[in-house]
Protein backbone atom coordinates (compact mmCIF):
# COMPACT_ATOMS: atom_id res chain seq x y z
CA MET A 1 -20.84 -25.67 43.71
CA GLN A 2 -21.66 -22.84 41.09
CA ILE A 3 -18.30 -21.24 41.63
CA ARG A 4 -16.74 -24.92 40.90
CA LYS A 5 -18.83 -25.27 37.87
CA ILE A 6 -17.71 -21.76 36.42
CA SER A 7 -14.08 -22.76 36.97
CA LEU A 8 -14.21 -26.01 35.45
CA LEU A 9 -15.96 -24.29 32.31
CA PHE A 10 -12.98 -21.70 32.43
CA ILE A 11 -10.46 -24.29 32.55
CA MET A 12 -12.04 -26.35 29.68
CA ALA A 13 -11.98 -23.12 27.74
CA LEU A 14 -8.57 -22.56 28.27
CA LEU A 15 -7.63 -26.04 27.31
CA PHE A 16 -9.93 -25.64 24.08
CA ILE A 17 -8.07 -22.62 23.08
CA GLY A 18 -4.69 -24.28 23.77
CA VAL A 19 -5.43 -27.32 21.68
CA PHE A 20 -7.33 -25.48 18.90
CA PRO A 21 -5.38 -22.13 18.33
CA PHE A 22 -6.55 -19.54 15.92
CA THR A 23 -4.43 -20.60 12.82
CA ILE A 24 -3.51 -18.22 10.02
CA TYR A 25 -2.00 -19.08 6.32
CA ILE A 26 -0.01 -16.10 5.30
CA VAL A 27 0.39 -16.28 1.23
CA GLN A 28 2.74 -14.03 -0.32
CA SER A 29 2.80 -13.13 -4.27
CA GLU A 30 6.55 -13.33 -4.33
CA ASP A 31 9.94 -12.80 -2.93
CA ASN A 32 9.74 -8.73 -2.20
CA GLU A 33 11.79 -6.79 0.90
CA MET A 34 8.61 -4.83 1.16
CA TYR A 35 6.46 -7.95 1.69
CA ASP A 36 8.83 -9.57 4.48
CA LYS A 37 8.51 -6.13 6.33
CA MET A 38 4.80 -5.98 6.40
CA ILE A 39 4.45 -9.73 7.41
CA TYR A 40 6.73 -9.35 10.26
CA SER A 41 4.58 -6.41 11.69
CA PHE A 42 1.64 -8.43 11.10
CA LYS A 43 3.13 -11.30 13.39
CA GLU A 44 4.49 -8.96 15.95
CA ARG A 45 0.91 -7.77 16.32
CA ALA A 46 -1.10 -11.20 16.01
CA GLU A 47 0.43 -13.83 17.85
CA PHE A 48 -1.37 -17.01 16.24
CA ASP A 49 -0.17 -19.85 14.46
CA PHE A 50 0.95 -19.15 11.11
CA ILE A 51 1.61 -21.06 8.20
CA SER A 52 3.53 -19.56 5.45
CA PHE A 53 3.58 -19.75 1.79
CA ASN A 54 5.50 -18.02 -0.93
CA MET A 55 3.77 -17.95 -4.57
CA LYS A 56 7.45 -17.00 -6.05
CA GLY A 57 5.40 -14.97 -8.69
CA ASP A 58 4.03 -18.12 -10.21
CA GLU A 59 0.25 -18.18 -10.51
CA LYS A 60 0.34 -22.11 -10.90
CA ALA A 61 1.58 -22.39 -7.34
CA ALA A 62 -1.97 -21.17 -5.96
CA GLY A 63 -3.48 -24.73 -6.74
CA GLU A 64 -1.41 -26.59 -4.17
CA ILE A 65 -1.99 -24.01 -1.69
CA VAL A 66 -5.55 -23.94 -2.05
CA ALA A 67 -5.81 -27.65 -2.15
CA LYS A 68 -4.00 -27.75 1.47
CA ALA A 69 -5.80 -24.81 2.76
CA LYS A 70 -9.20 -26.62 1.78
CA SER A 71 -7.95 -29.86 3.64
CA ASP A 72 -6.59 -28.20 6.85
CA LYS A 73 -9.25 -25.28 6.96
CA PRO A 74 -7.11 -22.37 8.44
CA ASP A 75 -9.40 -19.84 10.63
CA ALA A 76 -8.33 -17.15 8.18
CA ILE A 77 -5.85 -16.47 5.59
CA LEU A 78 -3.74 -13.30 4.82
CA LEU A 79 -2.97 -12.54 0.96
CA VAL A 80 0.02 -10.58 0.42
CA GLY A 81 0.13 -8.78 -2.96
CA PHE A 82 -2.01 -8.79 -5.90
CA LEU A 83 -1.00 -12.40 -7.39
CA ALA A 84 -1.88 -14.12 -4.13
CA ILE A 85 -5.23 -11.92 -3.88
CA LYS A 86 -6.07 -12.34 -7.73
CA GLU A 87 -5.45 -16.24 -7.63
CA ILE A 88 -6.47 -17.17 -4.35
CA SER A 89 -9.39 -14.99 -3.40
CA ALA A 90 -11.95 -16.47 -6.02
CA LYS A 91 -11.43 -20.25 -4.50
CA PHE A 92 -12.66 -19.56 -0.99
CA GLU A 93 -16.39 -18.55 0.09
CA ASN A 94 -16.36 -19.60 3.94
CA ILE A 95 -12.55 -18.90 5.03
CA PRO A 96 -12.24 -15.29 6.01
CA LEU A 97 -9.87 -13.59 3.66
CA ILE A 98 -7.39 -10.72 4.75
CA LEU A 99 -6.13 -8.85 1.78
CA THR A 100 -3.15 -6.65 1.95
CA MET A 101 -0.13 -4.89 -0.14
CA SER A 102 -2.21 -4.25 -2.97
CA SER A 103 -3.58 -0.63 -3.94
CA SER A 104 -6.07 -1.60 -6.32
CA ILE A 105 -8.65 -4.58 -5.28
CA PRO A 106 -11.22 -5.56 -7.89
CA GLN A 107 -14.75 -4.79 -6.67
CA ASN A 108 -16.15 -8.28 -7.51
CA ILE A 109 -13.06 -9.42 -4.78
CA LYS A 110 -14.06 -6.69 -2.40
CA ASP A 111 -17.82 -7.51 -2.29
CA LYS A 112 -17.40 -10.90 -1.39
CA LYS A 113 -18.71 -11.58 2.31
CA ASN A 114 -15.53 -13.40 3.40
CA THR A 115 -12.89 -10.59 2.47
CA CYS A 116 -11.69 -7.88 4.71
CA GLY A 117 -8.10 -6.21 4.11
CA VAL A 118 -6.01 -2.94 4.35
CA ILE A 119 -5.48 -1.25 1.03
CA PHE A 120 -2.05 -0.24 0.31
CA ASP A 121 -2.79 3.38 -0.15
CA ILE A 122 -2.84 6.30 2.28
CA ASP A 123 -5.31 9.35 2.32
CA ASP A 124 -3.93 12.36 0.21
CA ALA A 125 -4.30 14.63 3.10
CA VAL A 126 -1.74 12.19 5.03
CA THR A 127 0.60 12.68 1.88
CA ILE A 128 0.41 16.33 1.46
CA GLU A 129 0.96 17.09 5.56
CA TYR A 130 4.02 14.66 5.36
CA LEU A 131 5.37 16.66 2.16
CA LYS A 132 4.91 19.99 3.81
CA THR A 133 6.86 18.56 6.91
CA ALA A 134 9.70 16.83 5.09
CA VAL A 135 10.19 19.10 2.14
CA PRO A 136 8.99 22.54 3.19
CA ASP A 137 10.85 24.28 0.25
CA ILE A 138 8.65 22.59 -2.31
CA LYS A 139 5.38 24.32 -2.02
CA ASN A 140 4.28 23.98 -5.81
CA ILE A 141 3.83 20.83 -7.41
CA GLY A 142 2.26 19.44 -10.82
CA ILE A 143 0.08 16.43 -11.66
CA ILE A 144 0.30 14.89 -15.31
CA PHE A 145 -2.67 12.72 -16.08
CA SER A 146 -5.19 11.43 -18.55
CA VAL A 147 -8.74 12.66 -18.54
CA ASP A 148 -9.83 9.30 -19.34
CA ASN A 149 -8.16 7.76 -16.26
CA THR A 150 -7.60 9.72 -13.37
CA LEU A 151 -9.35 13.32 -13.72
CA ASP A 152 -11.37 12.75 -10.50
CA TYR A 153 -8.57 12.22 -8.76
CA ALA A 154 -6.08 14.96 -10.16
CA LYS A 155 -9.09 17.37 -9.20
CA SER A 156 -9.34 15.89 -5.65
CA PHE A 157 -5.84 15.91 -4.98
CA LYS A 158 -5.77 19.62 -6.42
CA ALA A 159 -8.55 20.78 -4.19
CA LYS A 160 -7.02 19.10 -0.80
CA SER A 161 -3.50 20.32 -1.34
CA ASP A 162 -4.61 23.85 -2.28
CA ALA A 163 -6.54 23.92 0.93
CA MET A 164 -3.56 22.79 2.86
CA GLY A 165 -1.32 25.61 1.28
CA VAL A 166 0.65 23.19 -1.36
CA SER A 167 -0.24 24.45 -4.69
CA VAL A 168 -1.05 22.31 -7.39
CA GLU A 169 -1.13 22.62 -11.28
CA LEU A 170 -2.70 19.98 -13.38
CA GLY A 171 -1.06 19.15 -16.70
CA ASN A 172 -3.32 16.83 -18.93
CA ILE A 173 -2.42 14.64 -21.68
CA ALA A 174 -3.86 12.22 -24.02
CA SER A 175 -0.70 10.24 -24.92
CA LEU A 176 2.80 9.93 -24.03
CA GLU A 177 4.15 12.13 -26.95
CA GLU A 178 2.34 15.02 -25.02
CA LEU A 179 4.63 14.59 -21.91
CA PRO A 180 7.22 16.83 -22.89
CA LEU A 181 4.91 20.06 -23.52
CA SER A 182 3.19 19.25 -20.22
CA CYS A 183 6.28 19.38 -18.12
CA LYS A 184 7.38 22.65 -19.85
CA MET A 185 3.89 24.33 -19.24
CA LEU A 186 4.05 23.09 -15.72
CA LYS A 187 7.55 24.10 -15.02
CA ALA A 188 6.57 27.78 -16.91
CA SER A 189 3.86 28.19 -13.93
CA GLY A 190 6.21 27.68 -11.25
CA VAL A 191 5.89 24.13 -10.53
CA LYS A 192 8.86 22.97 -8.48
CA ALA A 193 8.35 18.93 -8.58
CA ILE A 194 5.78 16.44 -10.34
CA TRP A 195 3.85 14.19 -8.04
CA LEU A 196 3.68 11.03 -9.82
CA GLY A 197 -0.06 10.31 -8.90
CA ARG A 198 -1.98 7.06 -10.11
CA ASP A 199 -2.47 7.48 -13.75
CA LYS A 200 -1.89 4.03 -15.55
CA LEU A 201 -0.39 5.85 -18.65
CA VAL A 202 1.98 7.75 -16.53
CA VAL A 203 2.91 5.30 -13.85
CA SER A 204 3.21 2.59 -16.72
CA LYS A 205 6.94 1.63 -17.42
CA ALA A 206 7.14 3.32 -20.82
CA GLY A 207 5.19 6.39 -19.09
CA PHE A 208 7.61 6.60 -16.08
CA GLU A 209 10.61 6.25 -18.09
CA THR A 210 9.85 8.66 -20.39
CA LEU A 211 8.59 11.18 -17.63
CA LEU A 212 12.09 10.59 -15.98
CA LYS A 213 13.96 11.68 -18.87
CA ILE A 214 11.87 14.49 -19.83
CA THR A 215 11.66 15.97 -16.25
CA LYS A 216 15.79 15.61 -15.73
CA ASN A 217 16.02 17.88 -18.41
CA GLU A 218 13.37 20.34 -17.14
CA ASN A 219 15.17 20.18 -13.59
CA LEU A 220 11.83 18.93 -12.23
CA PRO A 221 12.04 16.13 -9.74
CA ILE A 222 9.52 13.28 -9.11
CA ILE A 223 7.87 12.84 -5.97
CA ALA A 224 6.10 9.20 -5.80
CA PRO A 225 3.74 7.34 -4.01
CA TYR A 226 5.66 4.27 -3.80
CA SER A 227 9.28 3.44 -3.00
CA THR A 228 9.51 1.27 -5.83
CA PHE A 229 9.62 4.45 -7.99
CA THR A 230 12.30 5.78 -5.79
CA GLN A 231 14.59 2.94 -6.56
CA LYS A 232 14.03 3.50 -10.38
CA GLY A 233 14.75 7.19 -10.14
CA ALA A 234 12.10 9.33 -8.40
CA ALA A 235 13.88 11.93 -6.20
CA PHE A 236 11.77 10.58 -3.15
CA SER A 237 8.73 8.98 -2.02
CA ILE A 238 6.01 9.50 0.17
CA SER A 239 4.25 5.97 0.32
CA PRO A 240 2.40 3.80 2.96
CA ASP A 241 4.26 2.62 6.05
CA LEU A 242 4.89 -0.99 5.95
CA ALA A 243 5.29 -1.42 9.77
CA ASN A 244 1.61 0.22 10.08
CA HIS A 245 0.23 -1.69 7.27
CA GLY A 246 0.83 -4.94 8.80
CA TYR A 247 0.00 -3.83 12.18
CA ILE A 248 -3.56 -2.92 11.15
CA ALA A 249 -3.85 -6.30 9.13
CA GLY A 250 -2.82 -7.89 12.78
CA ASN A 251 -5.47 -5.94 13.89
CA LEU A 252 -8.20 -7.14 11.69
CA ALA A 253 -6.91 -10.78 12.33
CA ILE A 254 -7.71 -10.10 16.13
CA ARG A 255 -11.15 -8.90 15.25
CA LEU A 256 -11.61 -12.07 13.04
CA GLU A 257 -10.86 -14.20 16.17
CA ASN A 258 -12.96 -12.31 18.49
CA GLY A 259 -15.98 -13.29 16.30
CA GLU A 260 -16.25 -10.16 14.23
CA LEU A 261 -17.21 -11.00 10.27
CA PRO A 262 -15.23 -9.77 7.19
CA THR A 263 -18.25 -7.61 6.13
CA ASP A 264 -18.54 -6.09 9.53
CA ILE A 265 -14.73 -5.10 9.23
CA GLY A 266 -14.70 -4.19 5.50
CA PHE A 267 -11.67 -2.51 3.73
CA VAL A 268 -9.25 0.54 5.54
CA LYS A 269 -6.45 2.17 4.21
CA THR A 270 -2.55 2.21 5.87
CA GLU A 271 -2.81 5.21 8.30
CA LYS A 272 0.68 6.53 8.37
CA ALA A 273 3.20 7.59 5.57
CA ALA A 274 7.13 6.58 5.29
CA PHE A 275 9.65 8.53 3.61
CA SER A 276 12.17 7.07 0.89
CA TYR A 277 14.76 8.93 -1.15
CA ASN A 278 17.20 8.51 -4.15
CA LYS A 279 20.38 10.04 -2.83
CA ASN A 280 21.72 10.76 -6.18
CA MET A 281 18.52 12.51 -7.24
CA LEU A 282 18.33 14.74 -4.30
CA LYS A 283 21.74 15.77 -4.74
CA LEU A 284 20.81 16.28 -8.46
CA PHE A 285 18.36 18.87 -7.74
CA GLY A 286 19.63 20.19 -4.63
CA ILE A 287 16.60 18.94 -2.31
CA ASN A 288 16.56 19.56 1.02
CA VAL A 289 14.94 17.25 3.54
CA ILE A 290 14.55 17.92 7.22
CA SER A 291 17.08 15.62 9.14
CA THR A 292 14.64 14.41 11.40
CA VAL A 293 12.68 12.60 8.55
CA LEU A 294 16.27 11.81 6.56
CA GLU A 295 17.24 9.75 9.76
CA LYS A 296 14.53 7.80 9.32
CA ALA A 297 14.09 7.29 5.83
CA LYS A 298 15.07 4.19 3.46
CA GLU A 299 18.02 5.23 1.08
CA TYR A 300 18.18 4.06 -2.34
């Protein structure tokens, strides 16, 4: 009798799961090849019911999506890209949110009890190790930064690089007008390439375009942390792997389905790096990338 009762409860549980599957809303900020690859990987890892939305870069699109989500009450919402995170995360307190494809998430959003996610970033040690493997000829690099913005990051990157056998020289600037002198000084110190880093002054549209012109004149290739800069003229990038990013996000969704709370999960970084390169820039600077990396890399 007891066995029959247990069997009946088991069957009822299976029927409940079948009738009420775990549903995830997927909201992407805009049309973006990178988002598409990440979402594909997420769906492969987490086999749930998915309902997809695309904001198309329009913040006004958030209203309709929020209204539908509040009506349907999905089990979780995957937010892809900063626009979706910014416009939608503040509207929910109870539905678990998985934040992805953004390297910077405001602290007031990260601190919300219903948020967890994967930061679109990799540890510096992963970047450095990948650089040593992919382009072993480049052993001396420079970072240009503003003290007001990223002094701590630059010093930390240098310390880790030096410890791992890659020499790093620091170039401090207060304005973009100081870029030419900084590049000349770095080259004089033996630097063979510039790591773009994260300084908002340097990675701004004006900053990157200015740096690109100067580094071409100084014969210093730019190594970028994201493939978008490779498309714009950086020689190559060592960036977060999109498939890995989506896979980890899928793991978070599974943990939510299993009853874990977003506060228990928190935020993690992408674990693996990917390589992309600008074919013309590799040729211009005579950069040799090992064949096993080049075969799998994205070419621009």
